[in-house]
């Protein structure tokens, strides 16, 4: 193996640091997506409850 291709501890350390950095970036992206998704679902449930409540109120007034 040529010396420039031979893995050295410094070379492996740099590659490992790069992989860890990429992992942290990807983890941050995924975490923010999960948070937005949870917020969206929470809002969806709250909106559904409000719509149901308004439909019941409307139905009540129509029957009077």
N, C-alpha and C. Protein backbone atom coordinates (compact mmCIF):
# COMPACT_ATOMS: atom_id res chain seq x y z
N UNK A 1 0.83 -1.18 0.00
CA UNK A 1 0.00 0.00 0.00
C UNK A 1 0.88 1.25 0.00
N UNK A 2 0.55 2.20 -0.86
CA UNK A 2 1.33 3.45 -0.82
C UNK A 2 1.11 4.17 0.52
N UNK A 3 2.10 4.90 0.91
CA UNK A 3 2.06 5.56 2.21
C UNK A 3 0.92 6.57 2.31
N UNK A 4 0.59 7.28 1.22
CA UNK A 4 -0.45 8.31 1.29
C UNK A 4 -1.86 7.71 1.41
N UNK A 5 -2.04 6.44 1.07
CA UNK A 5 -3.34 5.79 1.19
C UNK A 5 -3.45 5.05 2.52
N UNK A 6 -2.34 4.70 3.09
CA UNK A 6 -2.32 3.95 4.33
C UNK A 6 -3.03 4.75 5.44
N UNK A 7 -4.00 4.12 6.12
CA UNK A 7 -4.72 4.85 7.16
C UNK A 7 -3.82 5.15 8.36
N UNK A 8 -3.84 6.38 8.75
CA UNK A 8 -3.09 6.77 9.93
C UNK A 8 -4.08 7.16 11.01
N UNK A 9 -3.61 7.23 12.21
CA UNK A 9 -4.52 7.59 13.31
C UNK A 9 -5.07 8.99 13.12
N UNK A 10 -4.27 9.91 12.61
CA UNK A 10 -4.75 11.29 12.37
C UNK A 10 -5.81 11.30 11.28
N UNK A 11 -5.56 10.53 10.23
CA UNK A 11 -6.50 10.46 9.11
C UNK A 11 -7.83 9.86 9.58
N UNK A 12 -7.75 8.79 10.33
CA UNK A 12 -8.96 8.14 10.85
C UNK A 12 -9.69 9.06 11.82
N UNK A 13 -8.94 9.79 12.62
CA UNK A 13 -9.54 10.72 13.57
C UNK A 13 -10.31 11.83 12.85
N UNK A 14 -9.74 12.35 11.77
CA UNK A 14 -10.42 13.39 10.98
C UNK A 14 -11.71 12.85 10.37
N UNK A 15 -11.64 11.64 9.82
CA UNK A 15 -12.82 11.04 9.22
C UNK A 15 -13.91 10.78 10.26
N UNK A 16 -13.49 10.33 11.43
CA UNK A 16 -14.44 10.08 12.51
C UNK A 16 -15.10 11.38 12.96
N UNK A 17 -14.31 12.44 13.09
CA UNK A 17 -14.87 13.74 13.47
C UNK A 17 -15.87 14.24 12.44
N UNK A 18 -15.57 14.03 11.16
CA UNK A 18 -16.47 14.43 10.10
C UNK A 18 -17.78 13.65 10.16
N UNK A 19 -17.69 12.36 10.41
CA UNK A 19 -18.89 11.54 10.53
C UNK A 19 -19.74 11.95 11.73
N UNK A 20 -19.10 12.25 12.83
CA UNK A 20 -19.83 12.68 14.03
C UNK A 20 -20.52 14.01 13.76
N UNK A 21 -19.83 14.91 13.09
CA UNK A 21 -20.42 16.22 12.76
C UNK A 21 -21.64 16.04 11.86
N UNK A 22 -21.53 15.20 10.85
CA UNK A 22 -22.67 14.94 9.96
C UNK A 22 -23.83 14.32 10.72
N UNK A 23 -23.51 13.39 11.61
CA UNK A 23 -24.56 12.75 12.40
C UNK A 23 -25.31 13.77 13.24
N UNK A 24 -24.58 14.67 13.89
CA UNK A 24 -25.20 15.70 14.72
C UNK A 24 -26.07 16.63 13.88
N UNK A 25 -25.61 16.99 12.68
CA UNK A 25 -26.40 17.84 11.79
C UNK A 25 -27.70 17.13 11.39
N UNK A 26 -27.59 15.88 11.00
CA UNK A 26 -28.77 15.11 10.60
C UNK A 26 -29.72 14.93 11.78
N UNK A 27 -29.18 14.68 12.96
CA UNK A 27 -30.00 14.52 14.15
C UNK A 27 -30.76 15.80 14.43
N UNK A 28 -30.11 16.95 14.27
CA UNK A 28 -30.77 18.24 14.48
C UNK A 28 -31.91 18.45 13.50
N UNK A 29 -31.69 18.09 12.24
CA UNK A 29 -32.73 18.23 11.22
C UNK A 29 -33.92 17.33 11.55
N UNK A 30 -33.64 16.11 11.91
CA UNK A 30 -34.71 15.15 12.24
C UNK A 30 -35.47 15.61 13.48
N UNK A 31 -34.75 16.06 14.51
CA UNK A 31 -35.41 16.54 15.73
C UNK A 31 -36.33 17.72 15.45
N UNK A 32 -35.90 18.65 14.60
CA UNK A 32 -36.76 19.80 14.30
C UNK A 32 -37.98 19.36 13.50
N UNK A 33 -37.81 18.41 12.60
CA UNK A 33 -38.94 17.89 11.84
C UNK A 33 -39.95 17.20 12.76
N UNK A 34 -39.46 16.40 13.69
CA UNK A 34 -40.34 15.70 14.63
C UNK A 34 -41.10 16.71 15.48
N UNK A 35 -40.42 17.76 15.93
CA UNK A 35 -41.07 18.79 16.75
C UNK A 35 -42.18 19.49 15.96
N UNK A 36 -41.90 19.86 14.70
CA UNK A 36 -42.93 20.50 13.86
C UNK A 36 -44.10 19.57 13.64
N UNK A 37 -43.82 18.31 13.41
CA UNK A 37 -44.88 17.32 13.17
C UNK A 37 -45.76 17.18 14.41
N UNK A 38 -45.15 17.12 15.58
CA UNK A 38 -45.93 17.01 16.82
C UNK A 38 -46.78 18.25 17.05
N UNK A 39 -46.20 19.43 16.80
CA UNK A 39 -46.96 20.68 16.93
C UNK A 39 -48.14 20.69 15.97
N UNK A 40 -47.90 20.25 14.74
CA UNK A 40 -48.96 20.22 13.73
C UNK A 40 -50.09 19.30 14.17
N UNK A 41 -49.75 18.11 14.66
CA UNK A 41 -50.77 17.16 15.11
C UNK A 41 -51.54 17.71 16.30
N UNK A 42 -50.85 18.36 17.22
CA UNK A 42 -51.51 18.95 18.38
C UNK A 42 -52.51 20.02 17.92
N UNK A 43 -52.07 20.89 17.01
CA UNK A 43 -52.96 21.93 16.49
C UNK A 43 -54.14 21.32 15.75
N UNK A 44 -53.89 20.26 15.03
CA UNK A 44 -54.96 19.60 14.28
C UNK A 44 -56.04 19.07 15.24
N UNK A 45 -55.61 18.45 16.33
CA UNK A 45 -56.56 17.93 17.32
C UNK A 45 -57.35 19.07 17.95
N UNK A 46 -56.66 20.15 18.31
CA UNK A 46 -57.35 21.30 18.92
C UNK A 46 -58.36 21.92 17.95
N UNK A 47 -57.97 22.05 16.69
CA UNK A 47 -58.88 22.61 15.69
C UNK A 47 -60.08 21.70 15.48
N UNK A 48 -59.84 20.40 15.48
CA UNK A 48 -60.94 19.46 15.29
C UNK A 48 -61.94 19.56 16.44
N UNK A 49 -61.43 19.69 17.65
CA UNK A 49 -62.32 19.84 18.81
C UNK A 49 -63.14 21.12 18.71
N UNK A 50 -62.49 22.20 18.30
CA UNK A 50 -63.19 23.47 18.18
C UNK A 50 -64.27 23.41 17.09
N UNK A 51 -63.96 22.79 15.97
CA UNK A 51 -64.94 22.65 14.89
C UNK A 51 -66.12 21.81 15.35
N UNK A 52 -65.84 20.72 16.06
CA UNK A 52 -66.91 19.87 16.58
C UNK A 52 -67.80 20.65 17.53
N UNK A 53 -67.20 21.43 18.40
CA UNK A 53 -67.95 22.24 19.36
C UNK A 53 -68.83 23.26 18.62
N UNK A 54 -68.27 23.91 17.62
CA UNK A 54 -69.04 24.89 16.84
C UNK A 54 -70.17 24.23 16.06
N UNK A 55 -69.93 23.04 15.55
CA UNK A 55 -70.99 22.31 14.83
C UNK A 55 -72.14 21.97 15.77
N UNK A 56 -71.82 21.56 17.00
CA UNK A 56 -72.87 21.25 17.97
C UNK A 56 -73.67 22.50 18.31
N UNK A 57 -72.96 23.63 18.48
CA UNK A 57 -73.64 24.89 18.79
C UNK A 57 -74.55 25.30 17.64
N UNK A 58 -74.06 25.18 16.42
CA UNK A 58 -74.84 25.53 15.24
C UNK A 58 -76.08 24.64 15.13
N UNK A 59 -75.88 23.36 15.36
CA UNK A 59 -77.00 22.41 15.30
C UNK A 59 -78.05 22.76 16.36
N UNK A 60 -77.58 23.14 17.54
CA UNK A 60 -78.48 23.51 18.63
C UNK A 60 -79.33 24.73 18.23
N UNK A 61 -78.73 25.74 17.65
CA UNK A 61 -79.45 26.95 17.24
C UNK A 61 -80.38 26.71 16.06
N UNK A 62 -80.02 25.81 15.20
CA UNK A 62 -80.88 25.49 14.05
C UNK A 62 -82.14 24.77 14.50
N UNK A 63 -82.04 23.99 15.57
CA UNK A 63 -83.19 23.23 16.07
C UNK A 63 -84.13 24.10 16.89
N UNK A 64 -83.72 25.27 17.31
CA UNK A 64 -84.59 26.13 18.12
C UNK A 64 -85.60 26.87 17.30
